[in-house]
Amino acid sequence: MPKSLAKSLLDSEVSRLIEMAWEDRTPFDAIEKSFGLSESQVIELMRSQLKRSSFELWRKRVTGRATKHSALRSKEVQRAYCPTQYKSK
């Protein structure tokens, strides 16, 4: 499924999805809203797209991280990204 999932997305979409998955402040809910992929589908896509060592680093980083899981986030956090994250040209 992940290979076909990646094939159904444009390269730029796969790249953006991976970027969002690495970002600490972007919860899986925001990824699901943007791309329609559940947390488990994002994990499978990351497993298929990253080198094994990179995938393992990512999994270690996001496992249990409150900012990646909306249910664990503080209710005071209303945004999915840092205001300075997207730089204008």
N, C-alpha and C. Protein backbone atom coordinates (compact mmCIF):
# COMPACT_ATOMS: atom_id res chain seq x y z
N MET A 1 0.80 -1.21 0.00
CA MET A 1 0.00 0.00 0.00
C MET A 1 0.85 1.28 0.00
N PRO A 2 1.92 1.40 0.78
CA PRO A 2 2.67 2.65 0.79
C PRO A 2 3.27 3.01 -0.56
N LYS A 3 3.77 2.03 -1.29
CA LYS A 3 4.35 2.32 -2.60
C LYS A 3 3.29 2.90 -3.53
N SER A 4 2.11 2.28 -3.54
CA SER A 4 1.04 2.79 -4.39
C SER A 4 0.52 4.12 -3.85
N LEU A 5 0.56 4.27 -2.53
CA LEU A 5 0.17 5.53 -1.92
C LEU A 5 1.10 6.64 -2.37
N ALA A 6 2.39 6.38 -2.36
CA ALA A 6 3.38 7.37 -2.80
C ALA A 6 3.22 7.66 -4.29
N LYS A 7 2.87 6.64 -5.07
CA LYS A 7 2.69 6.84 -6.51
C LYS A 7 1.46 7.69 -6.81
N SER A 8 0.46 7.65 -5.91
CA SER A 8 -0.75 8.43 -6.15
C SER A 8 -0.55 9.91 -5.82
N LEU A 9 0.56 10.23 -5.14
CA LEU A 9 0.88 11.61 -4.81
C LEU A 9 1.97 12.13 -5.75
N LEU A 10 1.94 13.40 -6.01
CA LEU A 10 3.02 14.02 -6.78
C LEU A 10 4.29 13.99 -5.96
N ASP A 11 5.45 14.04 -6.62
CA ASP A 11 6.72 14.05 -5.90
C ASP A 11 6.77 15.21 -4.91
N SER A 12 6.25 16.36 -5.33
CA SER A 12 6.26 17.53 -4.44
C SER A 12 5.36 17.30 -3.23
N GLU A 13 4.27 16.55 -3.40
CA GLU A 13 3.37 16.25 -2.28
C GLU A 13 4.03 15.27 -1.31
N VAL A 14 4.72 14.28 -1.84
CA VAL A 14 5.43 13.32 -0.99
C VAL A 14 6.51 14.07 -0.20
N SER A 15 7.22 14.95 -0.88
CA SER A 15 8.26 15.74 -0.22
C SER A 15 7.67 16.60 0.90
N ARG A 16 6.55 17.26 0.63
CA ARG A 16 5.92 18.11 1.64
C ARG A 16 5.38 17.28 2.79
N LEU A 17 4.82 16.12 2.50
CA LEU A 17 4.31 15.24 3.54
C LEU A 17 5.45 14.80 4.46
N ILE A 18 6.58 14.43 3.89
CA ILE A 18 7.74 14.02 4.69
C ILE A 18 8.22 15.19 5.55
N GLU A 19 8.25 16.37 4.96
CA GLU A 19 8.66 17.58 5.70
C GLU A 19 7.71 17.82 6.88
N MET A 20 6.42 17.71 6.65
CA MET A 20 5.44 17.91 7.72
C MET A 20 5.59 16.85 8.81
N ALA A 21 5.87 15.62 8.41
CA ALA A 21 6.04 14.54 9.39
C ALA A 21 7.26 14.78 10.27
N TRP A 22 8.32 15.38 9.73
CA TRP A 22 9.52 15.67 10.51
C TRP A 22 9.33 16.87 11.43
N GLU A 23 8.44 17.78 11.07
CA GLU A 23 8.24 18.99 11.87
C GLU A 23 7.62 18.65 13.22
N ASP A 24 8.20 19.16 14.28
CA ASP A 24 7.72 18.87 15.62
C ASP A 24 6.32 19.42 15.87
N ARG A 25 6.02 20.58 15.33
CA ARG A 25 4.76 21.24 15.65
C ARG A 25 3.59 20.80 14.76
N THR A 26 3.84 20.03 13.75
CA THR A 26 2.76 19.61 12.84
C THR A 26 2.18 18.28 13.32
N PRO A 27 0.95 18.29 13.84
CA PRO A 27 0.36 17.03 14.31
C PRO A 27 -0.09 16.14 13.15
N PHE A 28 -0.22 14.87 13.44
CA PHE A 28 -0.68 13.93 12.43
C PHE A 28 -2.07 14.31 11.91
N ASP A 29 -2.88 14.95 12.74
CA ASP A 29 -4.21 15.40 12.30
C ASP A 29 -4.11 16.39 11.15
N ALA A 30 -3.12 17.29 11.20
CA ALA A 30 -2.93 18.27 10.12
C ALA A 30 -2.50 17.58 8.83
N ILE A 31 -1.69 16.55 8.95
CA ILE A 31 -1.26 15.77 7.78
C ILE A 31 -2.47 15.05 7.19
N GLU A 32 -3.29 14.50 8.06
CA GLU A 32 -4.49 13.80 7.58
C GLU A 32 -5.44 14.78 6.88
N LYS A 33 -5.58 15.96 7.44
CA LYS A 33 -6.45 16.96 6.82
C LYS A 33 -5.92 17.40 5.45
N SER A 34 -4.60 17.53 5.34
CA SER A 34 -3.99 17.98 4.09
C SER A 34 -3.90 16.90 3.02
N PHE A 35 -3.60 15.66 3.44
CA PHE A 35 -3.33 14.60 2.47
C PHE A 35 -4.28 13.41 2.56
N GLY A 36 -5.11 13.37 3.60
CA GLY A 36 -6.05 12.26 3.74
C GLY A 36 -5.42 10.97 4.22
N LEU A 37 -4.24 11.06 4.84
CA LEU A 37 -3.55 9.86 5.32
C LEU A 37 -3.59 9.80 6.84
N SER A 38 -3.94 8.64 7.37
CA SER A 38 -3.97 8.45 8.82
C SER A 38 -2.53 8.36 9.34
N GLU A 39 -2.39 8.41 10.66
CA GLU A 39 -1.06 8.31 11.26
C GLU A 39 -0.36 7.02 10.83
N SER A 40 -1.07 5.90 10.84
CA SER A 40 -0.45 4.63 10.45
C SER A 40 -0.04 4.64 8.97
N GLN A 41 -0.81 5.30 8.12
CA GLN A 41 -0.43 5.40 6.71
C GLN A 41 0.79 6.30 6.54
N VAL A 42 0.89 7.36 7.33
CA VAL A 42 2.08 8.23 7.29
C VAL A 42 3.30 7.43 7.71
N ILE A 43 3.17 6.63 8.75
CA ILE A 43 4.28 5.79 9.22
C ILE A 43 4.72 4.84 8.12
N GLU A 44 3.77 4.20 7.45
CA GLU A 44 4.11 3.28 6.36
C GLU A 44 4.77 4.01 5.19
N LEU A 45 4.26 5.20 4.87
CA LEU A 45 4.86 5.97 3.79
C LEU A 45 6.29 6.38 4.16
N MET A 46 6.48 6.83 5.38
CA MET A 46 7.82 7.22 5.83
C MET A 46 8.77 6.01 5.79
N ARG A 47 8.27 4.85 6.19
CA ARG A 47 9.08 3.64 6.17
C ARG A 47 9.53 3.31 4.74
N SER A 48 8.64 3.53 3.79
CA SER A 48 8.96 3.18 2.40
C SER A 48 9.82 4.25 1.70
N GLN A 49 9.77 5.48 2.19
CA GLN A 49 10.47 6.57 1.51
C GLN A 49 11.83 6.93 2.12
N LEU A 50 12.03 6.62 3.40
CA LEU A 50 13.28 6.98 4.07
C LEU A 50 14.23 5.79 4.16
N LYS A 51 15.51 6.10 4.31
CA LYS A 51 16.47 5.04 4.62
C LYS A 51 16.10 4.50 6.00
N ARG A 52 16.47 3.26 6.26
CA ARG A 52 16.10 2.63 7.52
C ARG A 52 16.57 3.45 8.73
N SER A 53 17.79 3.92 8.70
CA SER A 53 18.31 4.69 9.84
C SER A 53 17.55 6.00 10.03
N SER A 54 17.19 6.64 8.93
CA SER A 54 16.41 7.89 9.01
C SER A 54 15.01 7.62 9.55
N PHE A 55 14.41 6.53 9.09
CA PHE A 55 13.09 6.16 9.58
C PHE A 55 13.14 5.89 11.09
N GLU A 56 14.14 5.15 11.53
CA GLU A 56 14.25 4.83 12.95
C GLU A 56 14.46 6.10 13.79
N LEU A 57 15.26 7.04 13.30
CA LEU A 57 15.43 8.33 14.00
C LEU A 57 14.11 9.08 14.08
N TRP A 58 13.37 9.09 12.99
CA TRP A 58 12.09 9.79 12.95
C TRP A 58 11.10 9.16 13.93
N ARG A 59 11.00 7.83 13.91
CA ARG A 59 10.07 7.14 14.80
C ARG A 59 10.41 7.41 16.26
N LYS A 60 11.70 7.37 16.58
CA LYS A 60 12.13 7.65 17.94
C LYS A 60 11.74 9.09 18.32
N ARG A 61 11.88 9.99 17.38
CA ARG A 61 11.60 11.41 17.62
C ARG A 61 10.11 11.67 17.85
N VAL A 62 9.23 11.06 17.06
CA VAL A 62 7.80 11.37 17.14
C VAL A 62 7.01 10.51 18.11
N THR A 63 7.55 9.38 18.52
CA THR A 63 6.82 8.49 19.42
C THR A 63 6.57 9.18 20.76
N GLY A 64 5.30 9.37 21.06
CA GLY A 64 4.92 9.98 22.32
C GLY A 64 5.09 11.48 22.40
N ARG A 65 5.54 12.11 21.32
CA ARG A 65 5.74 13.57 21.31
C ARG A 65 4.37 14.25 21.34
N ALA A 66 4.14 15.05 22.35
CA ALA A 66 2.83 15.69 22.53
C ALA A 66 2.44 16.57 21.36
N THR A 67 3.40 17.23 20.74
CA THR A 67 3.06 18.15 19.65
C THR A 67 2.66 17.41 18.38
N LYS A 68 2.98 16.14 18.24
CA LYS A 68 2.61 15.37 17.05
C LYS A 68 1.23 14.72 17.19
N HIS A 69 0.69 14.73 18.39
CA HIS A 69 -0.59 14.08 18.64
C HIS A 69 -1.53 15.11 19.28
N SER A 70 -2.55 15.49 18.56
CA SER A 70 -3.46 16.54 19.03
C SER A 70 -4.05 16.25 20.40
N ALA A 71 -4.31 15.00 20.69
CA ALA A 71 -4.90 14.65 21.98
C ALA A 71 -3.94 14.92 23.13
N LEU A 72 -2.65 14.91 22.86
CA LEU A 72 -1.65 15.14 23.90
C LEU A 72 -1.21 16.60 24.00
N ARG A 73 -1.60 17.42 23.03
CA ARG A 73 -1.20 18.82 22.99
C ARG A 73 -1.93 19.65 24.03
N SER A 74 -1.29 20.72 24.42
CA SER A 74 -1.94 21.70 25.28
C SER A 74 -3.09 22.33 24.50
N LYS A 75 -4.19 22.59 25.15
CA LYS A 75 -5.34 23.21 24.48
C LYS A 75 -5.03 24.65 24.07
N GLU A 76 -3.96 25.22 24.62
CA GLU A 76 -3.57 26.59 24.27
C GLU A 76 -2.95 26.68 22.88
N VAL A 77 -2.46 25.57 22.36
CA VAL A 77 -1.84 25.56 21.04
C VAL A 77 -2.94 25.43 19.99
N GLN A 78 -3.10 26.45 19.18
CA GLN A 78 -4.16 26.46 18.19
C GLN A 78 -3.64 26.33 16.76
N ARG A 79 -2.34 26.33 16.57
CA ARG A 79 -1.77 26.28 15.23
C ARG A 79 -0.91 25.03 15.08
N ALA A 80 -0.65 24.66 13.84
CA ALA A 80 0.13 23.45 13.57
C ALA A 80 1.58 23.76 13.24
N TYR A 81 1.93 25.04 13.13
CA TYR A 81 3.30 25.36 12.76
C TYR A 81 3.72 26.67 13.40
N CYS A 82 5.01 26.88 13.44
CA CYS A 82 5.59 28.10 13.99
C CYS A 82 5.35 29.25 13.01
N PRO A 83 5.00 30.44 13.48
CA PRO A 83 4.73 31.57 12.58
C PRO A 83 5.91 31.92 11.66
N THR A 84 7.12 31.63 12.08
CA THR A 84 8.29 31.95 11.25
C THR A 84 8.73 30.77 10.37
N GLN A 85 7.97 29.68 10.40
CA GLN A 85 8.35 28.49 9.65
C GLN A 85 8.36 28.71 8.15
N TYR A 86 7.38 29.39 7.64
CA TYR A 86 7.27 29.59 6.20
C TYR A 86 7.83 30.96 5.84
N LYS A 87 8.96 30.94 5.22
CA LYS A 87 9.64 32.19 4.86
C LYS A 87 9.18 32.67 3.49
N SER A 88 8.92 33.93 3.38
CA SER A 88 8.55 34.47 2.07
C SER A 88 9.80 34.81 1.29
N LYS A 89 9.70 34.78 -0.01
CA LYS A 89 10.86 35.03 -0.88
C LYS A 89 11.09 36.50 -1.05
